[in-house]
Amino acid sequence: MKKLSKLEVLGLFNNEIFNEKKAIEVVEGLKNLKELSIDGNPVSANVKFKYEIILRAKKLEILDDDAV
């Protein structure tokens, strides 16, 4: 994923993502990410996880179809 430095939109919904730390690490590495869909994963049930994503993804504008 680190090679996808220009990626702006990423859909990861319903993929059984459990590891919050790794998911945040990956998203943080995507410096141009503007839109992320991660709903339907076990990690997305945790509100703190979503706040952490918002804090780390500096250019994020949309998270799970909601404006940031």
Protein backbone atom coordinates (compact mmCIF):
# COMPACT_ATOMS: atom_id res chain seq x y z
CA MET A 1 0.00 0.00 0.00
CA LYS A 2 2.93 2.36 0.57
CA LYS A 3 3.52 2.53 -3.19
CA LEU A 4 0.02 3.97 -3.66
CA SER A 5 1.10 7.43 -2.54
CA LYS A 6 -1.26 9.22 -4.96
CA LEU A 7 -4.35 7.24 -3.96
CA GLU A 8 -7.26 9.54 -3.08
CA VAL A 9 -10.24 7.16 -2.70
CA LEU A 10 -10.19 3.78 -0.95
CA GLY A 11 -13.06 1.36 -0.29
CA LEU A 12 -12.31 -1.21 2.41
CA PHE A 13 -15.89 -1.90 3.49
CA ASN A 14 -16.89 -5.41 4.63
CA ASN A 15 -13.37 -6.90 4.62
CA GLU A 16 -13.12 -8.34 8.15
CA ILE A 17 -10.44 -5.85 9.24
CA PHE A 18 -9.71 -6.49 12.92
CA ASN A 19 -6.32 -4.90 13.61
CA GLU A 20 -6.87 -1.24 14.48
CA LYS A 21 -3.17 -0.42 14.80
CA LYS A 22 -2.28 -1.83 11.39
CA ALA A 23 -5.28 -0.22 9.69
CA ILE A 24 -4.34 3.19 11.10
CA GLU A 25 -0.72 2.69 10.04
CA VAL A 26 -1.79 1.91 6.46
CA VAL A 27 -4.20 4.84 6.23
CA GLU A 28 -1.63 7.20 7.71
CA GLY A 29 0.80 6.22 4.95
CA LEU A 30 -1.69 7.23 2.24
CA LYS A 31 -0.81 10.93 2.28
CA ASN A 32 -3.32 12.00 -0.42
CA LEU A 33 -6.32 10.00 0.82
CA LYS A 34 -9.48 12.11 0.63
CA GLU A 35 -12.21 9.49 0.90
CA LEU A 36 -12.27 6.25 2.90
CA SER A 37 -15.01 3.67 3.34
CA ILE A 38 -14.28 1.24 6.15
CA ASP A 39 -17.82 0.46 7.37
CA GLY A 40 -18.77 -3.15 7.93
CA ASN A 41 -15.43 -4.10 9.49
CA PRO A 42 -14.99 -5.03 13.15
CA VAL A 43 -12.62 -2.06 13.64
CA SER A 44 -15.22 0.43 12.43
CA ALA A 45 -17.51 -0.37 15.38
CA ASN A 46 -15.08 1.50 17.64
CA VAL A 47 -15.75 5.27 17.57
CA LYS A 48 -12.23 5.96 18.90
CA PHE A 49 -10.82 4.16 15.87
CA LYS A 50 -12.71 6.44 13.50
CA TYR A 51 -11.52 9.54 15.38
CA GLU A 52 -7.96 8.26 15.14
CA ILE A 53 -8.34 7.78 11.38
CA ILE A 54 -9.58 11.37 11.06
CA LEU A 55 -6.62 12.68 13.06
CA ARG A 56 -4.01 10.71 11.14
CA ALA A 57 -5.31 11.08 7.58
CA LYS A 58 -4.58 14.78 7.17
CA LYS A 59 -6.38 15.25 3.82
CA LEU A 60 -9.39 13.06 4.59
CA GLU A 61 -12.66 14.74 3.61
CA ILE A 62 -15.12 11.82 3.68
CA LEU A 63 -15.23 8.83 6.03
CA ASP A 64 -17.93 6.23 5.43
CA ASP A 65 -20.02 8.63 3.31
CA ASP A 66 -19.91 11.37 5.99
CA ALA A 67 -18.04 14.65 5.67
CA VAL A 68 -15.16 14.95 8.12
